[in-house]
Amino acid sequence: MNRQIISPDDYSRLVSELTPPSRHVRGCLRAFWVGGLICCIGQALNLLAEKLELSELTAPMFTTVVLIFLGTTLTGIGVYDKIGRYAGAGSIVPITGFANSVAAPAIEYRREGIVLGIGARIFQLAGPVLTYGITASMAVGFIYFVIRGWLL
C-alpha cells in the first residue's frame, strides 16, 4: 500500500478549501423562529387547557404531555429529523427535542429486539442528561436542606 504523506500546512489548506462556509446568522434565525413556534404551540396548548377548565396544576402537565406526544409522533414518522436539520438547536431545546432524543434511538434499534435494541438504547442520548439533571437536583436539594437547617 502506497501512502502519500501530506504536510500539516497542506492539510490545513485542503480543509479550508473543502469546508463549506458557516452561516451563523441564518442558523440563529432558523433556530429562533422554529423554537419560538414550538413555544407558541405550547402556550396555545396551555391556554386551551385553561379553556377546558383544567386546574393550575394539571394545565402545565397537559401541555407537557401533548408536546411530548407531538415530538415523539413527529419523530416516528420522520418529520422531526427534517425539522432538526432545518432549525438546529431551535428544535432541540424545547421539550419536543427531549422527546425526539428518547424516541429516535428506540426507533433506530427496534430491529435488535425489545431488550437489546429498544431497552438498551432508548436512553442513549437522553440518559446522560437525565443522570446529570437528577444528580444536580439532588445535590442542590441536599445543600438547601443543610443551609435551611442551619438558618432555622
N, C-alpha and C. Protein backbone atom coordinates (compact mmCIF):
# COMPACT_ATOMS: atom_id res chain seq x y z
N MET A 1 0.84 -1.17 0.00
CA MET A 1 0.00 0.00 0.00
C MET A 1 0.89 1.24 0.00
N ASN A 2 0.66 2.10 -0.92
CA ASN A 2 1.46 3.31 -1.07
C ASN A 2 0.69 4.48 -0.47
N ARG A 3 1.23 5.04 0.60
CA ARG A 3 0.58 6.17 1.25
C ARG A 3 1.34 7.45 0.95
N GLN A 4 0.60 8.50 0.70
CA GLN A 4 1.21 9.79 0.45
C GLN A 4 1.17 10.59 1.75
N ILE A 5 2.29 11.11 2.15
CA ILE A 5 2.39 11.92 3.35
C ILE A 5 2.06 13.37 2.97
N ILE A 6 1.17 13.97 3.75
CA ILE A 6 0.78 15.35 3.49
C ILE A 6 1.23 16.21 4.66
N SER A 7 1.74 17.37 4.36
CA SER A 7 2.25 18.26 5.42
C SER A 7 1.07 18.90 6.14
N PRO A 8 1.27 19.33 7.39
CA PRO A 8 0.19 19.98 8.14
C PRO A 8 -0.33 21.24 7.46
N ASP A 9 0.56 22.00 6.81
CA ASP A 9 0.10 23.21 6.11
C ASP A 9 -0.79 22.86 4.92
N ASP A 10 -0.38 21.83 4.17
CA ASP A 10 -1.19 21.40 3.03
C ASP A 10 -2.54 20.85 3.49
N TYR A 11 -2.52 20.14 4.60
CA TYR A 11 -3.77 19.59 5.15
C TYR A 11 -4.71 20.73 5.57
N SER A 12 -4.18 21.73 6.26
CA SER A 12 -4.99 22.88 6.68
C SER A 12 -5.57 23.62 5.49
N ARG A 13 -4.77 23.79 4.46
CA ARG A 13 -5.24 24.46 3.25
C ARG A 13 -6.35 23.65 2.59
N LEU A 14 -6.17 22.33 2.52
CA LEU A 14 -7.17 21.45 1.92
C LEU A 14 -8.48 21.49 2.71
N VAL A 15 -8.38 21.47 4.02
CA VAL A 15 -9.58 21.53 4.87
C VAL A 15 -10.31 22.85 4.67
N SER A 16 -9.58 23.95 4.64
CA SER A 16 -10.23 25.25 4.47
C SER A 16 -10.87 25.39 3.08
N GLU A 17 -10.30 24.73 2.08
CA GLU A 17 -10.89 24.77 0.74
C GLU A 17 -12.17 23.94 0.66
N LEU A 18 -12.21 22.81 1.34
CA LEU A 18 -13.33 21.89 1.24
C LEU A 18 -14.44 22.14 2.25
N THR A 19 -14.15 22.90 3.31
CA THR A 19 -15.16 23.18 4.33
C THR A 19 -16.12 24.25 3.82
N PRO A 20 -17.41 23.95 3.85
CA PRO A 20 -18.37 24.97 3.40
C PRO A 20 -18.40 26.15 4.35
N PRO A 21 -18.74 27.32 3.85
CA PRO A 21 -18.78 28.49 4.73
C PRO A 21 -19.89 28.35 5.78
N SER A 22 -19.61 28.84 6.96
CA SER A 22 -20.57 28.76 8.04
C SER A 22 -21.61 29.87 7.88
N ARG A 23 -22.85 29.54 8.17
CA ARG A 23 -23.94 30.50 8.05
C ARG A 23 -24.58 30.70 9.42
N HIS A 24 -23.86 31.39 10.30
CA HIS A 24 -24.31 31.56 11.68
C HIS A 24 -25.61 32.35 11.79
N VAL A 25 -25.71 33.44 11.05
CA VAL A 25 -26.90 34.28 11.17
C VAL A 25 -28.14 33.52 10.71
N ARG A 26 -28.04 32.83 9.58
CA ARG A 26 -29.17 32.07 9.08
C ARG A 26 -29.55 30.97 10.07
N GLY A 27 -28.55 30.27 10.62
CA GLY A 27 -28.83 29.22 11.60
C GLY A 27 -29.49 29.76 12.86
N CYS A 28 -29.03 30.92 13.33
CA CYS A 28 -29.64 31.52 14.52
C CYS A 28 -31.08 31.95 14.26
N LEU A 29 -31.33 32.52 13.09
CA LEU A 29 -32.70 32.94 12.77
C LEU A 29 -33.64 31.74 12.66
N ARG A 30 -33.16 30.68 12.02
CA ARG A 30 -33.98 29.47 11.91
C ARG A 30 -34.27 28.87 13.28
N ALA A 31 -33.23 28.77 14.12
CA ALA A 31 -33.41 28.22 15.46
C ALA A 31 -34.38 29.08 16.26
N PHE A 32 -34.26 30.39 16.11
CA PHE A 32 -35.11 31.31 16.87
C PHE A 32 -36.57 31.15 16.49
N TRP A 33 -36.87 31.16 15.19
CA TRP A 33 -38.29 31.14 14.83
C TRP A 33 -38.92 29.77 15.02
N VAL A 34 -38.16 28.68 14.79
CA VAL A 34 -38.73 27.34 15.00
C VAL A 34 -38.91 27.07 16.49
N GLY A 35 -37.89 27.39 17.28
CA GLY A 35 -38.03 27.22 18.73
C GLY A 35 -39.14 28.09 19.30
N GLY A 36 -39.24 29.31 18.78
CA GLY A 36 -40.32 30.20 19.20
C GLY A 36 -41.69 29.66 18.81
N LEU A 37 -41.78 29.08 17.62
CA LEU A 37 -43.05 28.50 17.17
C LEU A 37 -43.45 27.32 18.07
N ILE A 38 -42.48 26.49 18.42
CA ILE A 38 -42.78 25.37 19.33
C ILE A 38 -43.26 25.90 20.67
N CYS A 39 -42.62 26.94 21.17
CA CYS A 39 -43.05 27.53 22.44
C CYS A 39 -44.42 28.18 22.33
N CYS A 40 -44.72 28.79 21.18
CA CYS A 40 -46.06 29.36 20.97
C CYS A 40 -47.13 28.26 20.94
N ILE A 41 -46.79 27.13 20.34
CA ILE A 41 -47.73 25.99 20.34
C ILE A 41 -47.95 25.53 21.78
N GLY A 42 -46.88 25.48 22.57
CA GLY A 42 -47.01 25.12 23.98
C GLY A 42 -47.88 26.11 24.74
N GLN A 43 -47.72 27.39 24.47
CA GLN A 43 -48.55 28.40 25.13
C GLN A 43 -50.01 28.27 24.70
N ALA A 44 -50.23 27.99 23.42
CA ALA A 44 -51.61 27.79 22.94
C ALA A 44 -52.23 26.58 23.62
N LEU A 45 -51.45 25.52 23.80
CA LEU A 45 -51.97 24.35 24.50
C LEU A 45 -52.30 24.67 25.95
N ASN A 46 -51.47 25.50 26.56
CA ASN A 46 -51.73 25.90 27.95
C ASN A 46 -53.01 26.72 28.04
N LEU A 47 -53.22 27.62 27.07
CA LEU A 47 -54.46 28.40 27.06
C LEU A 47 -55.67 27.50 26.79
N LEU A 48 -55.50 26.51 25.93
CA LEU A 48 -56.57 25.54 25.68
C LEU A 48 -56.92 24.78 26.95
N ALA A 49 -55.89 24.41 27.71
CA ALA A 49 -56.12 23.69 28.97
C ALA A 49 -56.91 24.56 29.94
N GLU A 50 -56.62 25.86 29.95
CA GLU A 50 -57.38 26.77 30.81
C GLU A 50 -58.83 26.87 30.35
N LYS A 51 -59.04 26.89 29.03
CA LYS A 51 -60.41 26.93 28.49
C LYS A 51 -61.17 25.65 28.83
N LEU A 52 -60.43 24.53 28.91
CA LEU A 52 -61.05 23.27 29.29
C LEU A 52 -61.26 23.17 30.80
N GLU A 53 -60.93 24.26 31.48
CA GLU A 53 -61.09 24.39 32.93
C GLU A 53 -60.26 23.38 33.72
N LEU A 54 -59.06 23.12 33.22
CA LEU A 54 -58.12 22.30 33.99
C LEU A 54 -57.51 23.17 35.08
N SER A 55 -57.11 22.56 36.16
CA SER A 55 -56.56 23.33 37.27
C SER A 55 -55.18 23.88 36.92
N GLU A 56 -54.67 24.76 37.78
CA GLU A 56 -53.35 25.34 37.56
C GLU A 56 -52.25 24.28 37.61
N LEU A 57 -52.51 23.18 38.29
CA LEU A 57 -51.53 22.10 38.37
C LEU A 57 -51.60 21.17 37.16
N THR A 58 -52.80 20.93 36.67
CA THR A 58 -52.93 19.98 35.57
C THR A 58 -52.76 20.61 34.19
N ALA A 59 -52.96 21.91 34.04
CA ALA A 59 -52.79 22.57 32.74
C ALA A 59 -51.36 22.44 32.22
N PRO A 60 -50.33 22.72 33.03
CA PRO A 60 -48.96 22.53 32.52
C PRO A 60 -48.64 21.07 32.21
N MET A 61 -49.22 20.15 32.97
CA MET A 61 -49.00 18.73 32.68
C MET A 61 -49.63 18.34 31.35
N PHE A 62 -50.82 18.85 31.09
CA PHE A 62 -51.49 18.62 29.81
C PHE A 62 -50.62 19.13 28.67
N THR A 63 -50.10 20.34 28.81
CA THR A 63 -49.24 20.93 27.78
C THR A 63 -48.00 20.09 27.56
N THR A 64 -47.36 19.68 28.63
CA THR A 64 -46.14 18.88 28.53
C THR A 64 -46.41 17.54 27.85
N VAL A 65 -47.46 16.88 28.25
CA VAL A 65 -47.79 15.57 27.67
C VAL A 65 -48.09 15.69 26.18
N VAL A 66 -48.85 16.70 25.80
CA VAL A 66 -49.19 16.86 24.38
C VAL A 66 -47.95 17.19 23.57
N LEU A 67 -47.06 18.05 24.09
CA LEU A 67 -45.82 18.38 23.35
C LEU A 67 -44.91 17.16 23.22
N ILE A 68 -44.82 16.35 24.27
CA ILE A 68 -44.02 15.13 24.18
C ILE A 68 -44.64 14.17 23.18
N PHE A 69 -45.96 14.05 23.19
CA PHE A 69 -46.64 13.20 22.22
C PHE A 69 -46.38 13.67 20.80
N LEU A 70 -46.49 14.98 20.57
CA LEU A 70 -46.25 15.52 19.23
C LEU A 70 -44.80 15.29 18.79
N GLY A 71 -43.85 15.54 19.70
CA GLY A 71 -42.44 15.32 19.36
C GLY A 71 -42.13 13.88 19.05
N THR A 72 -42.69 12.97 19.83
CA THR A 72 -42.47 11.54 19.60
C THR A 72 -43.14 11.07 18.32
N THR A 73 -44.35 11.54 18.07
CA THR A 73 -45.06 11.16 16.85
C THR A 73 -44.34 11.68 15.61
N LEU A 74 -43.93 12.94 15.65
CA LEU A 74 -43.19 13.50 14.51
C LEU A 74 -41.86 12.79 14.30
N THR A 75 -41.24 12.32 15.37
CA THR A 75 -40.01 11.53 15.23
C THR A 75 -40.33 10.20 14.56
N GLY A 76 -41.40 9.56 15.00
CA GLY A 76 -41.78 8.26 14.47
C GLY A 76 -42.08 8.27 12.98
N ILE A 77 -42.66 9.36 12.49
CA ILE A 77 -42.98 9.42 11.06
C ILE A 77 -41.89 10.11 10.24
N GLY A 78 -40.78 10.48 10.90
CA GLY A 78 -39.62 11.02 10.19
C GLY A 78 -39.64 12.51 9.92
N VAL A 79 -40.59 13.22 10.49
CA VAL A 79 -40.69 14.66 10.25
C VAL A 79 -39.76 15.45 11.15
N TYR A 80 -39.59 15.01 12.41
CA TYR A 80 -38.80 15.78 13.37
C TYR A 80 -37.33 15.85 12.96
N ASP A 81 -36.83 14.83 12.30
CA ASP A 81 -35.45 14.88 11.81
C ASP A 81 -35.27 15.99 10.78
N LYS A 82 -36.26 16.17 9.93
CA LYS A 82 -36.20 17.25 8.93
C LYS A 82 -36.27 18.61 9.61
N ILE A 83 -37.11 18.72 10.63
CA ILE A 83 -37.19 19.97 11.38
C ILE A 83 -35.85 20.24 12.06
N GLY A 84 -35.24 19.20 12.62
CA GLY A 84 -33.95 19.35 13.28
C GLY A 84 -32.84 19.77 12.33
N ARG A 85 -32.83 19.20 11.13
CA ARG A 85 -31.82 19.61 10.14
C ARG A 85 -32.01 21.06 9.73
N TYR A 86 -33.25 21.50 9.68
CA TYR A 86 -33.54 22.87 9.28
C TYR A 86 -33.25 23.86 10.41
N ALA A 87 -33.74 23.55 11.62
CA ALA A 87 -33.72 24.52 12.71
C ALA A 87 -32.59 24.35 13.70
N GLY A 88 -31.90 23.23 13.68
CA GLY A 88 -30.80 23.03 14.62
C GLY A 88 -31.28 23.05 16.06
N ALA A 89 -30.63 23.90 16.88
CA ALA A 89 -30.93 23.96 18.31
C ALA A 89 -32.34 24.44 18.60
N GLY A 90 -32.98 25.10 17.65
CA GLY A 90 -34.34 25.55 17.86
C GLY A 90 -35.31 24.41 18.04
N SER A 91 -34.95 23.24 17.51
CA SER A 91 -35.82 22.07 17.68
C SER A 91 -35.36 21.17 18.81
N ILE A 92 -34.18 21.41 19.33
CA ILE A 92 -33.63 20.54 20.37
C ILE A 92 -33.94 21.06 21.76
N VAL A 93 -33.94 22.37 21.93
CA VAL A 93 -34.07 22.96 23.25
C VAL A 93 -35.45 22.74 23.88
N PRO A 94 -36.56 22.92 23.15
CA PRO A 94 -37.86 22.68 23.80
C PRO A 94 -38.04 21.20 24.17
N ILE A 95 -39.08 20.91 24.92
CA ILE A 95 -39.33 19.56 25.42
C ILE A 95 -39.56 18.57 24.28
N THR A 96 -39.98 19.07 23.12
CA THR A 96 -40.15 18.19 21.97
C THR A 96 -38.81 17.60 21.53
N GLY A 97 -37.74 18.35 21.72
CA GLY A 97 -36.40 17.84 21.41
C GLY A 97 -36.00 16.71 22.34
N PHE A 98 -36.41 16.81 23.61
CA PHE A 98 -36.15 15.73 24.55
C PHE A 98 -36.91 14.47 24.13
N ALA A 99 -38.16 14.66 23.74
CA ALA A 99 -38.96 13.51 23.28
C ALA A 99 -38.30 12.87 22.06
N ASN A 100 -37.77 13.69 21.17
CA ASN A 100 -37.08 13.19 19.99
C ASN A 100 -35.82 12.41 20.39
N SER A 101 -35.08 12.91 21.37
CA SER A 101 -33.84 12.23 21.76
C SER A 101 -34.09 10.89 22.44
N VAL A 102 -35.27 10.69 22.99
CA VAL A 102 -35.63 9.40 23.58
C VAL A 102 -36.20 8.46 22.51
N ALA A 103 -37.05 8.99 21.65
CA ALA A 103 -37.73 8.15 20.67
C ALA A 103 -36.83 7.72 19.52
N ALA A 104 -35.93 8.59 19.08
CA ALA A 104 -35.10 8.28 17.90
C ALA A 104 -34.26 7.02 18.08
N PRO A 105 -33.51 6.84 19.19
CA PRO A 105 -32.75 5.60 19.34
C PRO A 105 -33.65 4.37 19.45
N ALA A 106 -34.82 4.52 20.08
CA ALA A 106 -35.73 3.38 20.20
C ALA A 106 -36.21 2.95 18.82
N ILE A 107 -36.50 3.90 17.97
CA ILE A 107 -36.95 3.57 16.62
C ILE A 107 -35.80 2.98 15.80
N GLU A 108 -34.62 3.56 15.96
CA GLU A 108 -33.47 3.11 15.17
C GLU A 108 -33.06 1.67 15.51
N TYR A 109 -33.13 1.29 16.77
CA TYR A 109 -32.65 -0.02 17.20
C TYR A 109 -33.76 -1.03 17.47
N ARG A 110 -34.98 -0.77 17.01
CA ARG A 110 -36.09 -1.69 17.27
C ARG A 110 -35.88 -3.05 16.61
N ARG A 111 -35.12 -3.11 15.54
CA ARG A 111 -34.87 -4.39 14.86
C ARG A 111 -34.05 -5.35 15.71
N GLU A 112 -33.32 -4.82 16.68
CA GLU A 112 -32.48 -5.65 17.54
C GLU A 112 -33.27 -6.27 18.68
N GLY A 113 -34.54 -5.97 18.77
CA GLY A 113 -35.39 -6.57 19.79
C GLY A 113 -35.76 -5.59 20.89
N ILE A 114 -36.67 -6.03 21.73
CA ILE A 114 -37.18 -5.16 22.79
C ILE A 114 -36.12 -4.93 23.86
N VAL A 115 -35.41 -5.97 24.27
CA VAL A 115 -34.45 -5.83 25.37
C VAL A 115 -33.13 -5.25 24.87
N LEU A 116 -32.50 -5.92 23.89
CA LEU A 116 -31.18 -5.49 23.44
C LEU A 116 -31.24 -4.28 22.51
N GLY A 117 -32.34 -4.05 21.87
CA GLY A 117 -32.47 -2.91 20.98
C GLY A 117 -33.06 -1.71 21.69
N ILE A 118 -34.36 -1.76 21.88
CA ILE A 118 -35.06 -0.62 22.47
C ILE A 118 -34.65 -0.40 23.92
N GLY A 119 -34.68 -1.45 24.72
CA GLY A 119 -34.36 -1.30 26.14
C GLY A 119 -32.95 -0.81 26.41
N ALA A 120 -31.99 -1.29 25.65
CA ALA A 120 -30.60 -0.91 25.88
C ALA A 120 -30.25 0.44 25.27
N ARG A 121 -30.97 0.88 24.27
CA ARG A 121 -30.58 2.09 23.55
C ARG A 121 -31.52 3.28 23.72
N ILE A 122 -32.65 3.09 24.39
CA ILE A 122 -33.65 4.15 24.43
C ILE A 122 -33.12 5.43 25.09
N PHE A 123 -32.29 5.31 26.09
CA PHE A 123 -31.76 6.50 26.76
C PHE A 123 -30.32 6.79 26.35
N GLN A 124 -29.95 6.35 25.17
CA GLN A 124 -28.59 6.57 24.67
C GLN A 124 -28.25 8.06 24.63
N LEU A 125 -29.15 8.89 24.13
CA LEU A 125 -28.92 10.32 24.06
C LEU A 125 -29.39 11.05 25.31
N ALA A 126 -30.55 10.68 25.81
CA ALA A 126 -31.14 11.40 26.93
C ALA A 126 -30.61 10.92 28.28
N GLY A 127 -30.03 9.75 28.33
CA GLY A 127 -29.55 9.21 29.60
C GLY A 127 -28.58 10.09 30.34
N PRO A 128 -27.52 10.57 29.68
CA PRO A 128 -26.59 11.46 30.39
C PRO A 128 -27.26 12.75 30.88
N VAL A 129 -28.19 13.28 30.11
CA VAL A 129 -28.89 14.49 30.51
C VAL A 129 -29.74 14.21 31.74
N LEU A 130 -30.46 13.10 31.73
CA LEU A 130 -31.27 12.74 32.89
C LEU A 130 -30.41 12.50 34.12
N THR A 131 -29.32 11.76 33.94
CA THR A 131 -28.43 11.47 35.06
C THR A 131 -27.88 12.75 35.67
N TYR A 132 -27.40 13.65 34.82
CA TYR A 132 -26.86 14.92 35.32
C TYR A 132 -27.95 15.74 36.00
N GLY A 133 -29.12 15.83 35.39
CA GLY A 133 -30.20 16.62 35.96
C GLY A 133 -30.66 16.10 37.31
N ILE A 134 -30.82 14.79 37.41
CA ILE A 134 -31.26 14.19 38.67
C ILE A 134 -30.19 14.35 39.75
N THR A 135 -28.94 14.10 39.39
CA THR A 135 -27.85 14.24 40.35
C THR A 135 -27.71 15.69 40.82
N ALA A 136 -27.76 16.62 39.88
CA ALA A 136 -27.63 18.04 40.24
C ALA A 136 -28.79 18.48 41.12
N SER A 137 -30.01 18.04 40.82
CA SER A 137 -31.14 18.45 41.64
C SER A 137 -31.06 17.85 43.04
N MET A 138 -30.54 16.63 43.15
CA MET A 138 -30.36 16.04 44.48
C MET A 138 -29.30 16.79 45.27
N ALA A 139 -28.22 17.17 44.61
CA ALA A 139 -27.15 17.91 45.28
C ALA A 139 -27.65 19.28 45.75
N VAL A 140 -28.37 19.98 44.90
CA VAL A 140 -28.91 21.29 45.27
C VAL A 140 -29.94 21.14 46.39
N GLY A 141 -30.77 20.11 46.32
CA GLY A 141 -31.74 19.87 47.38
C GLY A 141 -31.08 19.58 48.71
N PHE A 142 -30.01 18.80 48.68
CA PHE A 142 -29.27 18.49 49.91
C PHE A 142 -28.63 19.75 50.49
N ILE A 143 -28.02 20.55 49.63
CA ILE A 143 -27.40 21.80 50.09
C ILE A 143 -28.47 22.73 50.68
N TYR A 144 -29.61 22.83 50.03
CA TYR A 144 -30.71 23.65 50.53
C TYR A 144 -31.18 23.13 51.89
N PHE A 145 -31.30 21.82 52.02
CA PHE A 145 -31.73 21.21 53.27
C PHE A 145 -30.76 21.54 54.40
N VAL A 146 -29.47 21.44 54.12
CA VAL A 146 -28.45 21.72 55.13
C VAL A 146 -28.46 23.20 55.52
N ILE A 147 -28.48 24.08 54.52
CA ILE A 147 -28.47 25.52 54.79
C ILE A 147 -29.75 25.93 55.53
N ARG A 148 -30.87 25.39 55.11
CA ARG A 148 -32.13 25.73 55.77
C ARG A 148 -32.12 25.25 57.22
N GLY A 149 -31.53 24.10 57.47
CA GLY A 149 -31.43 23.59 58.83
C GLY A 149 -30.56 24.48 59.71
N TRP A 150 -29.52 25.04 59.14
CA TRP A 150 -28.64 25.93 59.90
C TRP A 150 -29.31 27.26 60.18
N LEU A 151 -30.14 27.72 59.27
CA LEU A 151 -30.77 29.03 59.45
C LEU A 151 -31.95 28.98 60.42
N LEU A 152 -32.57 27.81 60.57
CA LEU A 152 -33.72 27.71 61.46
C LEU A 152 -33.28 27.41 62.82
